[in-house]
N, C-alpha and C. Protein backbone atom coordinates (compact mmCIF):
# COMPACT_ATOMS: atom_id res chain seq x y z
N MET A 1 0.96 -1.07 0.11
CA MET A 1 0.06 -0.01 0.08
C MET A 1 0.91 1.40 0.08
N ALA A 2 0.24 2.17 -0.27
CA ALA A 2 0.71 3.51 -0.29
C ALA A 2 1.40 4.06 1.06
N PRO A 3 2.54 4.59 1.43
CA PRO A 3 2.87 5.29 2.64
C PRO A 3 1.81 5.90 3.30
N LEU A 4 1.87 5.84 4.80
CA LEU A 4 1.02 6.35 5.64
C LEU A 4 1.33 7.93 5.70
N ASP A 5 0.50 8.84 5.69
CA ASP A 5 0.85 10.43 6.01
C ASP A 5 0.28 10.65 7.39
N PHE A 6 1.59 10.34 8.24
CA PHE A 6 1.38 10.54 9.65
C PHE A 6 1.08 11.81 10.04
N GLU A 7 1.24 12.76 9.61
CA GLU A 7 1.27 14.28 9.64
C GLU A 7 -0.06 14.42 9.54
N ASN A 8 -0.94 13.79 8.55
CA ASN A 8 -2.49 14.33 8.37
C ASN A 8 -3.64 13.25 8.68
N SER A 9 -3.10 11.97 9.33
CA SER A 9 -3.87 11.41 9.78
C SER A 9 -4.44 11.54 11.05
N GLY A 10 -5.65 10.90 11.28
CA GLY A 10 -6.23 11.22 12.72
C GLY A 10 -6.16 9.73 13.18
N GLN A 11 -7.06 9.98 14.60
CA GLN A 11 -7.38 8.73 15.17
C GLN A 11 -8.24 7.69 14.48
N ASP A 12 -9.16 8.50 13.78
CA ASP A 12 -10.18 7.69 13.23
C ASP A 12 -10.23 7.49 11.72
N GLU A 13 -8.96 8.21 11.29
CA GLU A 13 -8.81 8.30 9.73
C GLU A 13 -7.63 7.98 9.14
N LEU A 14 -7.05 7.02 8.49
CA LEU A 14 -5.75 7.05 8.01
C LEU A 14 -5.75 7.78 6.42
N ARG A 15 -4.69 8.39 6.24
CA ARG A 15 -4.28 9.08 5.26
C ARG A 15 -3.11 8.79 4.62
N PHE A 16 -3.10 8.55 3.36
CA PHE A 16 -1.89 7.85 2.69
C PHE A 16 -1.14 9.03 1.54
N LEU A 17 0.02 9.27 1.68
CA LEU A 17 0.65 9.88 0.53
C LEU A 17 0.27 9.80 -0.78
N GLU A 18 0.14 10.44 -1.48
CA GLU A 18 -0.37 10.20 -2.91
C GLU A 18 0.93 10.49 -4.06
N ARG A 19 1.86 10.94 -3.61
CA ARG A 19 2.98 11.26 -4.32
C ARG A 19 4.49 11.66 -3.98
N ALA A 20 5.51 11.31 -3.97
CA ALA A 20 6.77 11.88 -3.51
C ALA A 20 7.43 12.91 -4.38
N GLU A 21 7.96 13.52 -3.64
CA GLU A 21 9.07 14.48 -4.04
C GLU A 21 10.00 13.76 -4.14
N LYS A 22 10.95 14.32 -5.17
CA LYS A 22 12.49 13.52 -5.29
C LYS A 22 13.28 13.30 -4.07
N HIS A 23 13.33 14.46 -3.33
CA HIS A 23 14.02 14.23 -1.89
C HIS A 23 13.32 13.11 -1.03
N GLN A 24 12.29 12.45 -1.49
CA GLN A 24 11.55 11.70 -0.43
C GLN A 24 11.73 10.36 -0.94
N LEU A 25 12.12 10.16 -2.28
CA LEU A 25 12.17 8.84 -2.67
C LEU A 25 12.99 8.12 -2.06
N ILE A 26 12.43 6.34 -1.97
CA ILE A 26 13.39 5.47 -1.18
C ILE A 26 14.49 4.97 -2.26
N SER A 27 15.44 5.25 -1.76
CA SER A 27 16.67 5.06 -2.41
C SER A 27 17.38 3.64 -2.62
N ILE A 28 17.01 2.77 -1.59
CA ILE A 28 17.38 1.57 -1.61
C ILE A 28 16.90 0.52 -2.66
N PRO A 29 17.44 -0.48 -2.80
CA PRO A 29 17.07 -1.29 -4.02
C PRO A 29 15.70 -1.95 -3.41
N THR A 30 14.79 -1.99 -4.61
CA THR A 30 13.26 -2.50 -3.96
C THR A 30 12.73 -3.27 -5.19
N ALA A 31 11.81 -4.34 -4.82
CA ALA A 31 11.14 -5.03 -5.71
C ALA A 31 9.77 -5.03 -5.21
N ASN A 32 9.04 -4.23 -6.20
CA ASN A 32 7.73 -4.16 -5.92
C ASN A 32 7.07 -5.15 -6.46
N ILE A 33 6.16 -6.11 -5.78
CA ILE A 33 5.33 -7.23 -6.62
C ILE A 33 4.23 -7.22 -6.17
N TRP A 34 3.21 -7.13 -7.34
CA TRP A 34 1.90 -7.52 -7.06
C TRP A 34 1.08 -8.35 -8.28
N GLY A 35 -0.30 -8.69 -7.88
CA GLY A 35 -0.94 -9.23 -8.89
C GLY A 35 -2.01 -8.30 -9.54
N SER A 36 -2.09 -8.72 -10.65
CA SER A 36 -2.87 -7.75 -11.80
C SER A 36 -4.54 -7.82 -11.24
N ARG A 37 -4.77 -9.20 -10.94
CA ARG A 37 -6.21 -9.47 -10.30
C ARG A 37 -6.24 -9.16 -8.87
N ASP A 38 -5.56 -8.74 -8.22
CA ASP A 38 -5.47 -8.63 -6.42
C ASP A 38 -6.63 -7.38 -6.25
N ALA A 39 -7.44 -7.67 -5.63
CA ALA A 39 -8.14 -6.87 -5.42
C ALA A 39 -8.11 -5.94 -4.36
N VAL A 40 -7.11 -6.13 -3.59
CA VAL A 40 -6.58 -5.26 -2.62
C VAL A 40 -5.51 -4.18 -3.07
N HIS A 41 -4.72 -4.93 -3.55
CA HIS A 41 -3.15 -4.28 -3.79
C HIS A 41 -3.22 -3.62 -5.20
N THR A 42 -3.92 -4.08 -6.08
CA THR A 42 -3.73 -3.40 -7.53
C THR A 42 -3.71 -2.04 -7.64
N HIS A 43 -4.59 -1.40 -6.75
CA HIS A 43 -4.54 0.11 -6.55
C HIS A 43 -3.83 0.53 -6.09
N THR A 44 -3.43 0.39 -4.73
CA THR A 44 -1.94 0.66 -3.63
C THR A 44 -0.58 0.68 -4.16
N ALA A 45 -0.38 -0.69 -4.75
CA ALA A 45 0.96 -1.02 -5.12
C ALA A 45 1.81 0.22 -6.01
N PRO A 46 0.99 0.32 -7.05
CA PRO A 46 1.66 1.22 -7.76
C PRO A 46 2.17 3.00 -7.20
N LYS A 47 1.42 3.01 -6.01
CA LYS A 47 1.54 4.29 -5.53
C LYS A 47 2.69 4.03 -4.46
N LEU A 48 2.91 2.95 -4.00
CA LEU A 48 4.37 2.60 -3.17
C LEU A 48 5.32 2.64 -4.01
N ALA A 49 5.16 1.79 -5.33
CA ALA A 49 6.25 1.90 -6.28
C ALA A 49 6.72 3.21 -7.06
N ALA A 50 5.76 4.15 -6.65
CA ALA A 50 5.94 5.63 -7.13
C ALA A 50 7.09 5.99 -6.28
N PHE A 51 7.21 5.84 -4.82
CA PHE A 51 8.10 6.27 -3.95
C PHE A 51 9.28 5.94 -4.16
N CYS A 52 9.74 4.96 -5.05
CA CYS A 52 10.97 4.34 -5.12
C CYS A 52 11.62 4.99 -6.40
N SER A 53 13.03 4.80 -5.97
CA SER A 53 14.03 5.17 -7.17
C SER A 53 13.87 4.56 -8.42
N GLU A 54 13.64 5.20 -9.50
CA GLU A 54 13.55 4.29 -10.47
C GLU A 54 14.67 3.30 -10.99
N GLN A 55 15.82 4.19 -10.84
CA GLN A 55 16.95 3.57 -11.29
C GLN A 55 17.37 2.16 -10.29
N ARG A 56 16.83 2.16 -8.84
CA ARG A 56 16.75 0.73 -8.22
C ARG A 56 15.81 0.21 -7.79
N ASN A 57 14.83 0.13 -8.65
CA ASN A 57 13.27 -0.50 -8.25
C ASN A 57 13.12 -1.46 -9.54
N ILE A 58 12.41 -2.33 -9.22
CA ILE A 58 11.81 -3.38 -10.10
C ILE A 58 10.54 -3.65 -9.77
N ASN A 59 9.41 -3.19 -10.82
CA ASN A 59 8.15 -3.72 -10.67
C ASN A 59 7.80 -4.86 -11.35
N LEU A 60 7.25 -5.43 -10.80
CA LEU A 60 6.64 -6.84 -11.25
C LEU A 60 5.36 -7.06 -11.05
N VAL A 61 4.53 -7.14 -12.19
CA VAL A 61 3.11 -7.34 -12.19
C VAL A 61 2.67 -8.62 -12.95
N HIS A 62 2.21 -9.72 -12.00
CA HIS A 62 1.85 -10.97 -12.46
C HIS A 62 0.46 -11.23 -12.48
N ASP A 63 0.14 -12.30 -12.85
CA ASP A 63 -1.41 -12.54 -13.46
C ASP A 63 -2.15 -12.82 -11.81
N ALA A 64 -1.81 -13.35 -10.81
CA ALA A 64 -2.50 -13.84 -9.85
C ALA A 64 -3.26 -12.62 -9.09
N ARG A 65 -4.07 -13.42 -8.16
CA ARG A 65 -5.00 -12.93 -7.33
C ARG A 65 -4.33 -12.35 -5.91
N THR A 66 -3.25 -12.71 -5.79
CA THR A 66 -2.47 -12.40 -4.80
C THR A 66 -1.51 -11.63 -4.89
N PRO A 67 -1.02 -10.77 -3.60
CA PRO A 67 0.33 -9.88 -4.09
C PRO A 67 1.54 -10.77 -4.31
N ILE A 68 1.79 -11.90 -3.66
CA ILE A 68 2.91 -12.69 -4.01
C ILE A 68 2.66 -13.96 -4.98
N PRO A 69 2.85 -14.32 -6.17
CA PRO A 69 2.42 -15.45 -6.70
C PRO A 69 2.87 -16.54 -5.82
N GLY A 70 1.96 -17.82 -6.07
CA GLY A 70 2.40 -18.91 -5.20
C GLY A 70 2.70 -20.22 -6.15
N ALA A 71 2.43 -21.39 -5.80
CA ALA A 71 3.04 -22.53 -6.50
C ALA A 71 1.87 -22.72 -7.67
N ALA A 72 0.73 -22.16 -7.69
CA ALA A 72 -0.01 -22.63 -8.76
C ALA A 72 0.53 -21.53 -9.87
N ASP A 73 1.13 -20.37 -9.85
CA ASP A 73 1.28 -19.62 -10.67
C ASP A 73 3.07 -19.71 -11.19
N GLU A 74 3.56 -20.83 -11.81
CA GLU A 74 5.07 -21.20 -11.49
C GLU A 74 5.73 -20.12 -12.19
N LYS A 75 5.16 -19.53 -13.41
CA LYS A 75 6.03 -18.19 -14.21
C LYS A 75 6.06 -17.12 -13.51
N GLY A 76 4.75 -16.39 -12.64
CA GLY A 76 4.90 -15.68 -11.95
C GLY A 76 5.72 -15.92 -10.67
N LEU A 77 5.76 -17.07 -10.04
CA LEU A 77 6.65 -17.37 -8.86
C LEU A 77 8.39 -17.08 -9.19
N VAL A 78 8.64 -17.55 -10.54
CA VAL A 78 9.57 -17.73 -11.05
C VAL A 78 10.30 -16.00 -11.31
N SER A 79 9.08 -15.42 -11.90
CA SER A 79 9.72 -14.21 -12.15
C SER A 79 9.77 -13.45 -10.82
N ALA A 80 9.30 -13.69 -9.89
CA ALA A 80 9.35 -12.93 -8.38
C ALA A 80 10.51 -13.32 -8.09
N ALA A 81 10.89 -14.40 -8.14
CA ALA A 81 12.10 -14.95 -7.29
C ALA A 81 13.38 -14.35 -8.13
N HIS A 82 13.33 -14.09 -9.48
CA HIS A 82 14.26 -13.48 -10.00
C HIS A 82 14.26 -12.12 -9.64
N ALA A 83 13.19 -11.38 -9.42
CA ALA A 83 13.38 -9.83 -9.44
C ALA A 83 13.82 -9.87 -7.91
N ILE A 84 13.61 -10.71 -6.90
CA ILE A 84 13.97 -10.37 -5.61
C ILE A 84 15.66 -10.70 -5.49
N LEU A 85 16.12 -11.73 -6.31
CA LEU A 85 17.58 -11.79 -6.32
C LEU A 85 18.31 -10.79 -6.97
N HIS A 86 17.61 -10.23 -8.00
CA HIS A 86 18.32 -9.14 -8.78
C HIS A 86 18.31 -8.22 -7.59
N THR A 87 17.39 -7.78 -6.99
CA THR A 87 17.43 -6.37 -5.81
C THR A 87 18.35 -6.88 -5.09
N ILE A 88 18.51 -8.06 -4.48
CA ILE A 88 19.49 -8.25 -3.47
C ILE A 88 20.75 -8.23 -4.07
N GLY A 89 21.06 -8.56 -5.22
CA GLY A 89 22.34 -8.50 -6.19
C GLY A 89 22.78 -7.01 -6.01
N VAL A 90 21.66 -5.99 -6.49
CA VAL A 90 21.92 -4.75 -6.45
C VAL A 90 22.52 -4.09 -5.10
N ALA A 91 21.73 -4.57 -4.14
CA ALA A 91 21.86 -4.44 -2.63
C ALA A 91 23.32 -4.29 -2.37
N ILE A 92 23.58 -5.75 -2.75
CA ILE A 92 25.38 -6.20 -2.00
C ILE A 92 26.50 -5.98 -3.10
N GLY A 93 26.00 -5.09 -4.42
CA GLY A 93 27.06 -4.75 -5.28
C GLY A 93 27.33 -5.90 -6.37
N VAL A 94 26.33 -6.77 -6.51
CA VAL A 94 26.87 -7.73 -7.56
C VAL A 94 26.36 -7.54 -8.87
N ASN A 95 24.93 -7.08 -8.81
CA ASN A 95 24.35 -6.57 -10.12
C ASN A 95 24.94 -4.94 -10.41
């Protein structure tokens, strides 16, 4: 989901940040993975991805109804594993 806007959220209402300024971008390597048919995360995952540095971010959208693909979606699961391994490689300086 999108990051919480702690400054403007109240006790009875949570507000989310809608966009990031350049100085607010998440600069560490990231892998954002979500399912194109996931009823909850399809709308919020891209908002979170928008807060990540484009140069150090992988966005992977698979065909499942879940955030992370399972054994029933072998292609999506392998793609997610590759995205995660690539992100780890970038983080430790291998990629």
